[in-house]
Amino acid sequence: MDNQVVWIVLKKLRTPFLVLLITFSISIIGLMLIPAIDDKGHIYHLNFFDAFYFVSYMATTIGFGEGPYAFTYPQKLWVTFSIYLTVIGWFYAIGTIVALIQDEALKKAINLRKFIKQVKTLREDFFIIIGYNRVTKDIINNSDFRFVVIDKKEEKIDELNLEDFNPVVPAITGDGTNEIILKYAGIESKYCRGVISLFEDDAKNMQIATVCKLLNPKIDLIVKATSKNQEDYYKSLGIKYIINPFKIISDRIYLNITKPFIWLLELWAFGHKLILEQKDLLPKGKYLICGYGRMGHALEEGLKMAGINYNILKIETEDYVRKKGSVIFGDDEDRRVLESYDVKNSNAIFAATNNDLLNLTIINKAKKLNPKIYTIARENSLDDITIFQAAEIDRIYVLEKITAEYAITSISRPLVDAFIRKVREMDNSWGEVMVNMLKNIAGERPIYYEITINAENAYALMLKLKKRKITLGDIRKSRANRNELLHIVYLLLKRGDKIILMPGSDMEIKENDKLLIASNKENIEDFEYIVNNIYELDYVLGE
């Protein structure tokens, strides 16, 4: 890469260097050949150094004066000629240097050299993000990992650099499917944990996933999919983290209607409090889905699984616009169409098109026709969040926010991700017991804590495990009074590829076990003290 920068510089400056060399040579040789007269009237010739010295300050227009003696008229005539010759050559060279500084090829070569150096100096786990946008920016801001970014658009890289992330996020303009660019980004590095590709274009995500898996089969991939076929293909590649925001919304609607406490546990993992209020529950009855694209198909599947009656209005299609004879939505024709789909007797309406303005218009018109109708809207971009909030919609699903939340959980909180997947398999009565237990032990807003049982995270516990067996119940004791229990809940234990939901107190602890715990800040701090401080551990173990 250093050679490429040098080669570009030499290539661009070769001609101006030759022009300077020729013009200076002609001027110097001329001055050396023309006879001069010294202060005693003797004829002499300028030596090379005197001629070079004079031409140097003459060409650069500094002008110290004639030397070493006053020039004769032949010398002055030659100097006059040389001034125009060398100054023009010098200005040409300066202009070329200025143009070189602004040269795009040189800029790219320097930026690439800097990028490669930054990636090579990374000595901690990092993820490669392909495509910089609001979602990936949110991921960078809310994760403890380092990141490397690739984007085709230079303005996106400039936008990233203006964010002034700390620590620095190495970024380069390039094609995320290009093998060379991916290698520059460190995909073969032992510190590379994975690649994140969350484009709207399924084909692009598929291409990136395929190339990355071929270059490094060991890394994790976090990819976006919008269809079942796409998900099946990713699963065939062995990809664990597949984010389909349409299916997530569909599953949440199904869970809310059929297993509300399981729905509540999932949302708690993303910051919701553990209280199920009446306003949180979706109504049962008849639903009207407006829009039959990827979202509409996913909603149909969810409502069908929940046993809900529904109608589908394909309002965003070209056929609808052509039959209507207008591209204006919300007029009398749309009102008549909504009425024909029985909006007045529907219990809920879901505006599910890929046009935020159209979704707002549909909701507004439906509320006028049926003031009691429960309104749900798809919001495609975070740019419109305040507009949607002002519209007083009962429930808003923001695709970008959902995608970012799941990506962050997959990267930074893998045990939470595993917990969500396991919880979805449970029934509602189990979920109700779980919610009540969490509230009784840790309150309405318990926080979760992930720990790997090793010397770095549980020093004292690792020393004890070499001498004796210890169970989860043994360390779930208060360090103030070992006869009392810590207010913590063991949500999940991962041992190798085996995942155990709600492990019992008699479960024996092994090295490299991964634990997901729910509690409050105070009890989690106590737990950390116990597993890391030998004296605290001895006390709770009764030794």
Protein backbone atom coordinates (compact mmCIF):
# COMPACT_ATOMS: atom_id res chain seq x y z
CA MET A 1 0.00 0.00 0.00
CA ASP A 2 2.91 2.38 0.71
CA ASN A 3 4.24 1.59 -2.78
CA GLN A 4 0.87 2.52 -4.31
CA VAL A 5 0.95 5.98 -2.70
CA VAL A 6 4.56 6.55 -3.84
CA TRP A 7 3.74 5.33 -7.35
CA ILE A 8 0.80 7.76 -7.67
CA VAL A 9 2.96 10.68 -6.46
CA LEU A 10 5.80 9.83 -8.84
CA LYS A 11 3.43 9.36 -11.76
CA LYS A 12 1.71 12.69 -11.23
CA LEU A 13 4.93 14.67 -10.56
CA ARG A 14 7.13 13.12 -13.26
CA THR A 15 6.30 15.72 -15.94
CA PRO A 16 6.62 18.83 -13.70
CA PHE A 17 9.93 17.49 -12.34
CA LEU A 18 11.22 17.09 -15.89
CA VAL A 19 10.02 20.62 -16.81
CA LEU A 20 11.83 22.09 -13.78
CA LEU A 21 14.97 20.08 -14.51
CA ILE A 22 15.08 21.20 -18.15
CA THR A 23 14.30 24.88 -17.52
CA PHE A 24 16.79 25.11 -14.64
CA SER A 25 19.46 23.31 -16.65
CA ILE A 26 19.09 25.61 -19.65
CA SER A 27 19.22 28.74 -17.45
CA ILE A 28 22.23 27.52 -15.43
CA ILE A 29 24.24 26.36 -18.45
CA GLY A 30 23.54 29.68 -20.24
CA LEU A 31 24.81 31.72 -17.29
CA MET A 32 27.92 29.54 -17.04
CA LEU A 33 28.76 30.02 -20.75
CA ILE A 34 28.17 33.79 -21.06
CA PRO A 35 31.35 35.80 -20.23
CA ALA A 36 31.12 38.09 -17.20
CA ILE A 37 33.36 40.95 -15.90
CA ASP A 38 34.56 41.20 -12.31
CA ASP A 39 35.18 44.39 -10.30
CA LYS A 40 38.70 44.71 -11.78
CA GLY A 41 37.53 44.49 -15.38
CA HIS A 42 38.72 40.90 -15.92
CA ILE A 43 36.63 38.40 -17.88
CA TYR A 44 35.47 35.37 -15.94
CA HIS A 45 32.69 32.72 -16.03
CA LEU A 46 30.19 31.91 -13.29
CA ASN A 47 30.84 28.52 -11.71
CA PHE A 48 28.03 25.95 -11.32
CA PHE A 49 27.24 26.84 -7.72
CA ASP A 50 26.98 30.60 -8.40
CA ALA A 51 24.77 29.97 -11.44
CA PHE A 52 22.55 27.48 -9.56
CA TYR A 53 22.28 29.80 -6.56
CA PHE A 54 21.21 32.74 -8.73
CA VAL A 55 18.69 30.73 -10.79
CA SER A 56 17.18 29.28 -7.60
CA TYR A 57 16.15 32.65 -6.16
CA MET A 58 15.39 34.06 -9.59
CA ALA A 59 12.98 31.26 -10.55
CA THR A 60 11.17 31.45 -7.23
CA THR A 61 10.82 35.27 -7.67
CA ILE A 62 12.68 35.99 -4.42
CA GLY A 63 15.26 38.19 -6.19
CA PHE A 64 18.27 38.86 -3.92
CA GLY A 65 20.14 40.73 -6.66
CA GLU A 66 23.01 40.13 -9.11
CA GLY A 67 26.08 38.29 -7.93
CA PRO A 68 28.87 37.84 -7.31
CA TYR A 69 29.38 40.97 -9.54
CA ALA A 70 27.09 43.20 -11.56
CA PHE A 71 25.89 41.50 -14.76
CA THR A 72 26.87 42.55 -18.26
CA TYR A 73 24.20 43.26 -20.85
CA PRO A 74 24.52 39.76 -22.44
CA GLN A 75 24.00 38.26 -18.99
CA LYS A 76 21.01 40.53 -18.31
CA LEU A 77 19.49 39.55 -21.64
CA TRP A 78 19.90 35.86 -20.80
CA VAL A 79 18.48 36.39 -17.29
CA THR A 80 15.43 38.12 -18.79
CA PHE A 81 14.84 35.10 -21.01
CA SER A 82 15.42 32.73 -18.07
CA ILE A 83 12.93 34.55 -15.84
CA TYR A 84 10.03 33.78 -18.17
CA LEU A 85 11.29 30.28 -18.80
CA THR A 86 11.83 29.18 -15.20
CA VAL A 87 8.95 31.06 -13.56
CA ILE A 88 6.46 29.48 -15.95
CA GLY A 89 7.99 26.06 -15.29
CA TRP A 90 7.96 26.66 -11.52
CA PHE A 91 4.32 27.77 -11.51
CA TYR A 92 3.39 24.72 -13.58
CA ALA A 93 5.08 22.48 -11.01
CA ILE A 94 3.33 24.21 -8.08
CA GLY A 95 -0.03 23.89 -9.84
CA THR A 96 0.56 20.20 -10.37
CA ILE A 97 1.46 19.70 -6.69
CA VAL A 98 -1.73 21.51 -5.61
CA ALA A 99 -3.76 19.35 -8.00
CA LEU A 100 -2.03 16.25 -6.62
CA ILE A 101 -3.08 17.15 -3.07
CA GLN A 102 -6.70 17.19 -4.30
CA ASP A 103 -6.32 14.08 -6.46
CA GLU A 104 -9.05 11.52 -5.67
CA ALA A 105 -6.87 8.50 -6.45
CA LEU A 106 -4.18 9.69 -4.03
CA LYS A 107 -6.79 10.46 -1.36
CA LYS A 108 -8.22 6.96 -1.70
CA ALA A 109 -4.77 5.38 -1.52
CA ILE A 110 -3.85 7.37 1.61
CA ASN A 111 -7.23 6.64 3.25
CA LEU A 112 -6.89 2.94 2.43
CA ARG A 113 -3.36 2.88 3.88
CA LYS A 114 -4.62 4.58 7.05
CA PHE A 115 -7.60 2.20 7.25
CA ILE A 116 -5.42 -0.91 6.92
CA LYS A 117 -3.09 0.38 9.62
CA GLN A 118 -6.02 1.08 11.99
CA VAL A 119 -7.45 -2.41 11.46
CA LYS A 120 -4.08 -4.10 11.97
CA THR A 121 -3.61 -2.30 15.30
CA LEU A 122 -6.94 -3.63 16.67
CA ARG A 123 -6.12 -6.01 19.50
CA GLU A 124 -9.64 -6.63 20.78
CA ASP A 125 -12.79 -8.28 19.44
CA PHE A 126 -14.53 -6.35 16.68
CA PHE A 127 -17.37 -6.66 14.17
CA ILE A 128 -17.38 -5.56 10.54
CA ILE A 129 -20.43 -3.46 9.65
CA ILE A 130 -21.31 -3.30 5.96
CA GLY A 131 -23.44 -0.24 5.26
CA TYR A 132 -23.59 2.79 7.59
CA ASN A 133 -27.03 4.17 8.47
CA ARG A 134 -29.20 5.02 11.48
CA VAL A 135 -29.51 1.36 12.49
CA THR A 136 -25.79 0.60 12.40
CA LYS A 137 -25.02 3.93 14.09
CA ASP A 138 -27.32 2.85 16.94
CA ILE A 139 -25.47 -0.48 17.13
CA ILE A 140 -22.08 1.28 17.39
CA ASN A 141 -23.37 3.60 20.13
CA ASN A 142 -24.94 0.83 22.21
CA SER A 143 -22.37 -1.94 22.10
CA ASP A 144 -19.09 -2.46 23.93
CA PHE A 145 -17.38 -4.06 20.92
CA ARG A 146 -15.12 -2.30 18.42
CA PHE A 147 -16.36 -1.91 14.86
CA VAL A 148 -14.98 -1.58 11.34
CA VAL A 149 -17.28 -0.03 8.72
CA ILE A 150 -17.48 -0.48 4.95
CA ASP A 151 -19.86 1.58 2.80
CA LYS A 152 -20.06 2.19 -0.94
CA LYS A 153 -21.04 5.84 -0.52
CA GLU A 154 -18.26 8.25 0.39
CA GLU A 155 -20.74 10.68 1.97
CA LYS A 156 -21.75 7.95 4.45
CA ILE A 157 -18.12 7.47 5.50
CA ASP A 158 -17.76 11.25 5.85
CA GLU A 159 -20.89 11.28 8.02
CA LEU A 160 -19.40 8.55 10.22
CA ASN A 161 -16.10 10.42 10.59
CA LEU A 162 -17.98 13.55 11.69
CA GLU A 163 -19.55 11.57 14.55
CA ASP A 164 -16.13 11.44 16.23
CA PHE A 165 -16.67 8.01 17.81
CA ASN A 166 -14.42 7.13 20.73
CA PRO A 167 -12.66 4.77 20.31
CA VAL A 168 -12.13 5.43 16.63
CA VAL A 169 -14.18 3.39 14.16
CA PRO A 170 -12.00 2.52 11.12
CA ALA A 171 -14.07 3.12 7.97
CA ILE A 172 -13.47 2.78 4.24
CA THR A 173 -15.40 3.45 1.04
CA GLY A 174 -15.80 0.19 -0.83
CA ASP A 175 -17.96 -2.73 -1.89
CA GLY A 176 -18.87 -5.02 1.01
CA THR A 177 -18.96 -8.02 -1.32
CA ASN A 178 -15.41 -7.43 -2.54
CA GLU A 179 -13.04 -10.07 -1.19
CA ILE A 180 -10.05 -7.71 -1.09
CA ILE A 181 -11.96 -4.98 0.79
CA LEU A 182 -13.21 -7.53 3.32
CA LYS A 183 -9.66 -8.78 3.88
CA TYR A 184 -8.46 -5.20 4.36
CA ALA A 185 -11.29 -4.83 6.93
CA GLY A 186 -9.85 -7.74 8.90
CA ILE A 187 -12.31 -10.53 8.19
CA GLU A 188 -9.44 -13.03 8.52
CA SER A 189 -8.21 -11.52 11.79
CA LYS A 190 -8.40 -13.67 14.92
CA TYR A 191 -10.12 -10.70 16.62
CA CYS A 192 -12.94 -10.51 14.07
CA ARG A 193 -16.11 -11.78 15.79
CA GLY A 194 -18.46 -11.35 12.88
CA VAL A 195 -20.04 -9.31 10.09
CA ILE A 196 -23.25 -7.27 10.26
CA SER A 197 -25.30 -6.79 7.07
CA LEU A 198 -28.73 -5.18 7.52
CA PHE A 199 -29.60 -3.89 4.03
CA GLU A 200 -33.19 -3.65 2.80
CA ASP A 201 -32.06 -5.53 -0.31
CA ASP A 202 -32.26 -9.28 0.43
CA ALA A 203 -30.07 -10.13 -2.55
CA LYS A 204 -27.29 -7.88 -1.26
CA ASN A 205 -27.45 -9.42 2.23
CA MET A 206 -27.37 -12.88 0.69
CA GLN A 207 -24.31 -12.06 -1.43
CA ILE A 208 -22.46 -10.57 1.54
CA ALA A 209 -23.32 -13.54 3.77
CA THR A 210 -22.11 -16.04 1.17
CA VAL A 211 -18.80 -14.24 0.54
CA CYS A 212 -18.11 -13.76 4.27
CA LYS A 213 -18.81 -17.39 5.10
CA LEU A 214 -16.40 -18.50 2.36
CA LEU A 215 -13.66 -16.15 3.60
CA ASN A 216 -14.06 -17.06 7.29
CA PRO A 217 -16.51 -19.86 8.19
CA LYS A 218 -15.84 -19.39 11.94
CA ILE A 219 -17.25 -15.87 12.30
CA ASP A 220 -20.80 -14.98 13.33
CA LEU A 221 -23.07 -13.24 10.85
CA ILE A 222 -25.90 -10.90 11.82
CA VAL A 223 -28.04 -10.49 8.71
CA LYS A 224 -31.43 -9.10 7.83
CA ALA A 225 -34.01 -11.21 6.02
CA THR A 226 -37.53 -10.29 4.93
CA SER A 227 -38.85 -13.65 3.73
CA LYS A 228 -38.97 -17.26 4.90
CA ASN A 229 -37.00 -18.43 1.86
CA GLN A 230 -34.26 -15.99 2.78
CA GLU A 231 -34.22 -17.24 6.38
CA ASP A 232 -34.03 -20.86 5.23
CA TYR A 233 -31.05 -20.05 3.01
CA TYR A 234 -29.20 -18.35 5.87
CA LYS A 235 -29.90 -21.29 8.16
CA SER A 236 -28.41 -23.62 5.52
CA LEU A 237 -25.21 -21.56 5.78
CA GLY A 238 -25.17 -22.09 9.54
CA ILE A 239 -26.04 -18.46 10.35
CA LYS A 240 -27.51 -18.12 13.86
CA TYR A 241 -28.50 -14.47 14.01
CA ILE A 242 -31.17 -13.75 11.39
CA ILE A 243 -33.26 -10.62 11.87
CA ASN A 244 -36.60 -10.50 10.08
CA PRO A 245 -38.40 -7.42 11.44
CA PHE A 246 -41.66 -8.41 9.73
CA LYS A 247 -41.67 -11.84 11.36
CA ILE A 248 -40.70 -10.31 14.72
CA ILE A 249 -43.73 -8.01 14.56
CA SER A 250 -45.95 -10.87 13.43
CA ASP A 251 -44.71 -13.07 16.31
CA ARG A 252 -45.22 -10.28 18.82
CA ILE A 253 -48.81 -9.80 17.69
CA TYR A 254 -49.41 -13.56 17.96
CA LEU A 255 -47.84 -13.69 21.43
CA ASN A 256 -49.73 -10.62 22.63
CA ILE A 257 -53.05 -12.18 21.66
CA THR A 258 -52.39 -15.79 22.73
CA LYS A 259 -49.58 -15.61 25.34
CA PRO A 260 -49.46 -12.07 26.76
CA PHE A 261 -47.10 -12.91 29.64
CA ILE A 262 -44.58 -14.46 27.21
CA TRP A 263 -44.94 -11.30 25.12
CA LEU A 264 -44.25 -9.24 28.25
CA LEU A 265 -41.09 -11.22 29.06
CA GLU A 266 -39.76 -10.64 25.55
CA LEU A 267 -40.40 -6.90 25.72
CA TRP A 268 -38.84 -6.77 29.20
CA ALA A 269 -35.60 -7.96 27.59
CA PHE A 270 -35.72 -4.72 25.56
CA GLY A 271 -36.50 -2.37 28.45
CA HIS A 272 -40.26 -2.73 29.06
CA LYS A 273 -41.36 -2.84 32.72
CA LEU A 274 -42.83 -6.11 34.01
CA ILE A 275 -46.41 -4.87 34.25
CA LEU A 276 -49.15 -6.05 31.93
CA GLU A 277 -51.74 -3.31 31.64
CA GLN A 278 -55.01 -3.49 29.74
CA LYS A 279 -53.79 -0.93 27.20
CA ASP A 280 -50.90 -3.27 26.33
CA LEU A 281 -53.25 -6.01 25.14
CA LEU A 282 -54.34 -6.13 21.52
CA PRO A 283 -58.11 -6.46 21.02
CA LYS A 284 -59.64 -9.67 19.77
CA GLY A 285 -62.19 -9.63 16.99
CA LYS A 286 -61.87 -8.49 13.38
CA TYR A 287 -58.67 -6.92 12.00
CA LEU A 288 -58.17 -4.92 8.82
CA ILE A 289 -54.67 -5.09 7.29
CA CYS A 290 -53.92 -2.26 4.85
CA GLY A 291 -51.00 -3.28 2.67
CA TYR A 292 -50.09 -6.71 1.40
CA GLY A 293 -46.36 -6.59 0.90
CA ARG A 294 -43.80 -8.35 3.07
CA MET A 295 -45.34 -6.92 6.22
CA GLY A 296 -48.89 -7.79 5.17
CA HIS A 297 -47.95 -11.42 4.48
CA ALA A 298 -46.20 -11.72 7.87
CA LEU A 299 -49.19 -10.19 9.70
CA GLU A 300 -51.57 -12.55 7.93
CA GLU A 301 -49.52 -15.49 9.17
CA GLY A 302 -49.49 -14.21 12.76
CA LEU A 303 -53.22 -13.47 12.88
CA LYS A 304 -54.04 -16.81 11.29
CA MET A 305 -51.98 -18.64 13.94
CA ALA A 306 -53.79 -16.65 16.66
CA GLY A 307 -57.19 -17.58 15.18
CA ILE A 308 -58.13 -13.94 14.47
CA ASN A 309 -60.56 -12.97 11.71
CA TYR A 310 -59.07 -10.44 9.27
CA ASN A 311 -59.48 -8.64 5.94
CA ILE A 312 -56.66 -7.49 3.68
CA LEU A 313 -56.79 -4.27 1.65
CA LYS A 314 -54.07 -4.09 -1.00
CA ILE A 315 -54.03 -0.31 -0.92
CA GLU A 316 -50.46 0.44 -1.98
CA THR A 317 -50.42 -1.56 -5.22
CA GLU A 318 -50.29 -0.06 -8.70
CA ASP A 319 -53.54 -1.85 -9.54
CA TYR A 320 -55.32 -0.03 -6.73
CA VAL A 321 -54.00 3.37 -7.90
CA ARG A 322 -54.92 2.60 -11.52
CA LYS A 323 -58.47 1.54 -10.67
CA LYS A 324 -58.87 4.55 -8.43
CA GLY A 325 -57.50 6.94 -11.06
CA SER A 326 -55.58 9.05 -8.52
CA VAL A 327 -52.38 8.91 -6.47
CA ILE A 328 -53.93 10.97 -3.68
CA PHE A 329 -54.75 8.86 -0.62
CA GLY A 330 -57.35 9.77 1.97
CA ASP A 331 -59.97 11.11 -0.44
CA ASP A 332 -63.61 10.02 -0.77
CA GLU A 333 -62.68 7.01 -2.91
CA ASP A 334 -60.41 5.68 -0.14
CA ARG A 335 -63.17 6.29 2.40
CA ARG A 336 -65.57 4.22 0.34
CA VAL A 337 -62.99 1.45 -0.02
CA LEU A 338 -62.37 1.36 3.76
CA GLU A 339 -66.11 1.23 4.35
CA SER A 340 -66.45 -1.63 1.86
CA TYR A 341 -63.87 -3.55 3.91
CA ASP A 342 -66.07 -3.06 6.99
CA VAL A 343 -63.75 -0.66 8.83
CA LYS A 344 -66.69 0.57 10.91
CA ASN A 345 -67.16 -2.87 12.45
CA SER A 346 -63.46 -3.77 12.70
CA ASN A 347 -61.83 -3.94 16.11
CA ALA A 348 -58.34 -3.04 14.89
CA ILE A 349 -56.63 -1.69 11.79
CA PHE A 350 -52.97 -2.16 10.85
CA ALA A 351 -51.46 0.32 8.37
CA ALA A 352 -48.67 -1.86 7.00
CA THR A 353 -47.46 -0.23 3.78
CA ASN A 354 -43.86 0.84 3.11
CA ASN A 355 -44.96 4.49 2.88
CA ASP A 356 -45.08 6.32 6.23
CA LEU A 357 -47.27 9.16 4.91
CA LEU A 358 -49.75 6.66 3.50
CA ASN A 359 -49.84 4.78 6.82
CA LEU A 360 -50.64 7.99 8.70
CA THR A 361 -53.37 8.84 6.20
CA ILE A 362 -54.96 5.40 6.51
CA ILE A 363 -54.99 5.60 10.32
CA ASN A 364 -56.43 9.12 10.28
CA LYS A 365 -59.24 8.15 7.89
CA ALA A 366 -60.04 4.95 9.82
CA LYS A 367 -60.32 6.85 13.14
CA LYS A 368 -62.82 9.25 11.57
CA LEU A 369 -64.94 6.35 10.30
CA ASN A 370 -64.60 4.32 13.53
CA PRO A 371 -63.47 6.37 16.57
CA LYS A 372 -63.26 3.23 18.76
CA ILE A 373 -61.00 1.26 16.41
CA TYR A 374 -57.60 0.13 17.77
CA THR A 375 -54.89 1.60 15.53
CA ILE A 376 -51.56 -0.04 14.72
CA ALA A 377 -49.03 1.43 12.30
CA ARG A 378 -45.82 0.39 10.64
CA GLU A 379 -43.17 3.11 10.76
CA ASN A 380 -40.36 2.55 8.30
CA SER A 381 -37.96 5.28 9.37
CA LEU A 382 -37.00 6.87 12.69
CA ASP A 383 -37.12 10.26 10.93
CA ASP A 384 -40.92 10.32 11.31
CA ILE A 385 -41.12 9.21 14.96
CA THR A 386 -42.45 12.54 16.32
CA ILE A 387 -45.13 12.71 13.62
CA PHE A 388 -46.36 9.22 14.46
CA GLN A 389 -46.37 9.99 18.18
CA ALA A 390 -48.42 13.13 17.56
CA ALA A 391 -50.98 11.09 15.59
CA GLU A 392 -52.06 9.30 18.80
CA ILE A 393 -51.73 5.83 17.33
CA ASP A 394 -52.31 3.02 19.83
CA ARG A 395 -49.28 0.98 18.78
CA ILE A 396 -46.34 1.83 16.53
CA TYR A 397 -43.85 -0.69 15.18
CA VAL A 398 -40.66 1.05 14.05
CA LEU A 399 -38.75 -1.28 11.73
CA GLU A 400 -35.38 0.44 12.19
CA LYS A 401 -35.68 0.36 15.98
CA ILE A 402 -36.65 -3.33 16.05
CA THR A 403 -33.78 -4.24 13.74
CA ALA A 404 -31.26 -2.30 15.84
CA GLU A 405 -32.53 -3.77 19.13
CA TYR A 406 -32.23 -7.35 17.93
CA ALA A 407 -28.82 -6.74 16.37
CA ILE A 408 -27.48 -5.19 19.61
CA THR A 409 -28.89 -8.09 21.63
CA SER A 410 -27.33 -10.65 19.28
CA ILE A 411 -23.91 -8.97 19.56
CA SER A 412 -23.70 -7.73 23.14
CA ARG A 413 -26.23 -9.88 25.00
CA PRO A 414 -26.22 -13.33 23.40
CA LEU A 415 -27.66 -15.00 26.51
CA VAL A 416 -30.63 -12.60 26.43
CA ASP A 417 -31.14 -13.55 22.79
CA ALA A 418 -31.09 -17.25 23.76
CA PHE A 419 -33.48 -16.52 26.66
CA ILE A 420 -35.99 -14.87 24.31
CA ARG A 421 -35.89 -17.83 21.92
CA LYS A 422 -36.43 -20.32 24.76
CA VAL A 423 -39.19 -18.31 26.44
CA ARG A 424 -41.22 -18.21 23.22
CA GLU A 425 -41.55 -21.99 23.43
CA MET A 426 -43.23 -21.82 26.85
CA ASP A 427 -46.96 -21.45 27.56
CA ASN A 428 -48.70 -18.41 29.01
CA SER A 429 -49.22 -19.89 32.50
CA TRP A 430 -45.46 -20.45 32.80
CA GLY A 431 -44.93 -16.87 31.69
CA GLU A 432 -47.34 -15.56 34.32
CA VAL A 433 -45.55 -17.46 37.09
CA MET A 434 -42.20 -16.20 35.78
CA VAL A 435 -43.33 -12.56 35.67
CA ASN A 436 -44.75 -12.70 39.20
CA MET A 437 -41.59 -14.35 40.55
CA LEU A 438 -39.34 -11.72 38.92
CA LYS A 439 -41.48 -8.89 40.32
CA ASN A 440 -41.50 -10.39 43.82
CA ILE A 441 -37.73 -10.91 43.86
CA ALA A 442 -36.39 -7.95 41.89
CA GLY A 443 -39.24 -5.47 41.37
CA GLU A 444 -41.03 -4.18 38.30
CA ARG A 445 -37.84 -3.28 36.42
CA PRO A 446 -35.27 -6.01 37.06
CA ILE A 447 -32.06 -5.79 35.10
CA TYR A 448 -30.24 -8.73 33.60
CA TYR A 449 -26.60 -9.62 34.02
CA GLU A 450 -24.45 -12.00 31.97
CA ILE A 451 -21.33 -13.68 33.39
CA THR A 452 -18.93 -16.34 32.16
CA ILE A 453 -17.50 -18.50 34.94
CA ASN A 454 -13.75 -18.11 34.46
CA ALA A 455 -10.76 -16.63 36.27
CA GLU A 456 -11.32 -13.20 34.75
CA ASN A 457 -14.95 -12.80 35.84
CA ALA A 458 -15.17 -15.12 38.90
CA TYR A 459 -11.68 -15.39 40.35
CA ALA A 460 -12.58 -16.68 43.82
CA LEU A 461 -15.17 -19.12 42.52
CA MET A 462 -12.66 -20.63 40.08
CA LEU A 463 -10.18 -21.24 42.94
CA LYS A 464 -12.87 -23.05 44.94
CA LEU A 465 -14.05 -25.13 41.98
CA LYS A 466 -10.59 -26.72 41.82
CA LYS A 467 -11.10 -28.04 45.37
CA ARG A 468 -14.81 -28.84 45.66
CA LYS A 469 -18.20 -28.91 43.96
CA ILE A 470 -20.34 -25.79 44.15
CA THR A 471 -23.97 -25.43 43.07
CA LEU A 472 -25.90 -22.37 41.96
CA GLY A 473 -27.75 -22.44 45.27
CA ASP A 474 -24.47 -22.30 47.21
CA ILE A 475 -23.62 -18.85 45.87
CA ARG A 476 -27.17 -17.48 45.96
CA LYS A 477 -26.77 -16.34 49.53
CA SER A 478 -26.51 -12.90 51.06
CA ARG A 479 -23.02 -11.79 52.01
CA ALA A 480 -24.58 -9.89 54.92
CA ASN A 481 -26.36 -12.97 56.27
CA ARG A 482 -25.73 -16.32 54.64
CA ASN A 483 -28.99 -17.68 56.03
CA GLU A 484 -30.83 -15.32 53.68
CA LEU A 485 -30.99 -15.58 49.89
CA LEU A 486 -29.78 -13.02 47.40
CA HIS A 487 -32.66 -11.49 45.46
CA ILE A 488 -31.52 -12.90 42.13
CA VAL A 489 -33.10 -15.23 39.56
CA TYR A 490 -31.06 -17.61 37.42
CA LEU A 491 -32.77 -17.20 34.06
CA LEU A 492 -30.53 -19.32 31.87
CA LEU A 493 -27.34 -21.37 31.90
CA LYS A 494 -25.35 -22.15 28.77
CA ARG A 495 -22.82 -24.99 28.88
CA GLY A 496 -21.17 -25.50 25.51
CA ASP A 497 -24.05 -25.79 23.02
CA LYS A 498 -26.50 -26.85 25.73
CA ILE A 499 -28.95 -24.21 26.97
CA ILE A 500 -30.87 -24.69 30.23
CA LEU A 501 -33.81 -22.40 30.97
CA MET A 502 -34.32 -21.61 34.67
CA PRO A 503 -31.55 -23.88 36.04
CA GLY A 504 -32.25 -25.27 39.53
CA SER A 505 -30.34 -24.38 42.69
CA ASP A 506 -28.86 -27.89 42.75
CA MET A 507 -27.19 -27.37 39.36
CA GLU A 508 -23.44 -27.86 39.72
CA ILE A 509 -21.27 -25.01 38.37
CA LYS A 510 -18.61 -25.80 35.78
CA GLU A 511 -15.78 -23.73 34.35
CA ASN A 512 -16.82 -21.66 31.30
CA ASP A 513 -20.53 -21.90 32.17
CA LYS A 514 -22.40 -18.80 31.01
CA LEU A 515 -25.09 -17.48 33.36
CA LEU A 516 -27.93 -15.03 32.73
CA ILE A 517 -29.18 -13.51 35.98
CA ALA A 518 -32.05 -11.11 36.70
CA SER A 519 -32.06 -8.85 39.73
CA ASN A 520 -31.53 -5.26 40.82
CA LYS A 521 -28.23 -3.37 40.81
CA GLU A 522 -27.49 -3.89 44.50
CA ASN A 523 -27.90 -7.68 44.46
CA ILE A 524 -25.93 -8.05 41.24
CA GLU A 525 -23.05 -6.14 42.84
CA ASP A 526 -23.24 -8.48 45.83
CA PHE A 527 -23.12 -11.49 43.52
CA GLU A 528 -20.00 -10.09 41.80
CA TYR A 529 -18.33 -9.59 45.19
CA ILE A 530 -19.10 -13.16 46.22
CA VAL A 531 -17.67 -14.84 43.09
CA ASN A 532 -14.56 -12.64 43.02
CA ASN A 533 -13.63 -12.19 46.71
CA ILE A 534 -12.34 -15.32 48.45
CA TYR A 535 -13.37 -14.11 51.92
CA GLU A 536 -16.92 -13.28 50.83
CA LEU A 537 -17.19 -16.64 49.07
CA ASP A 538 -15.88 -18.51 52.11
CA TYR A 539 -18.51 -16.81 54.25
CA VAL A 540 -21.51 -17.70 52.06
CA LEU A 541 -20.18 -21.27 51.71
CA GLY A 542 -19.86 -21.53 55.49
CA GLU A 543 -16.12 -22.15 55.45
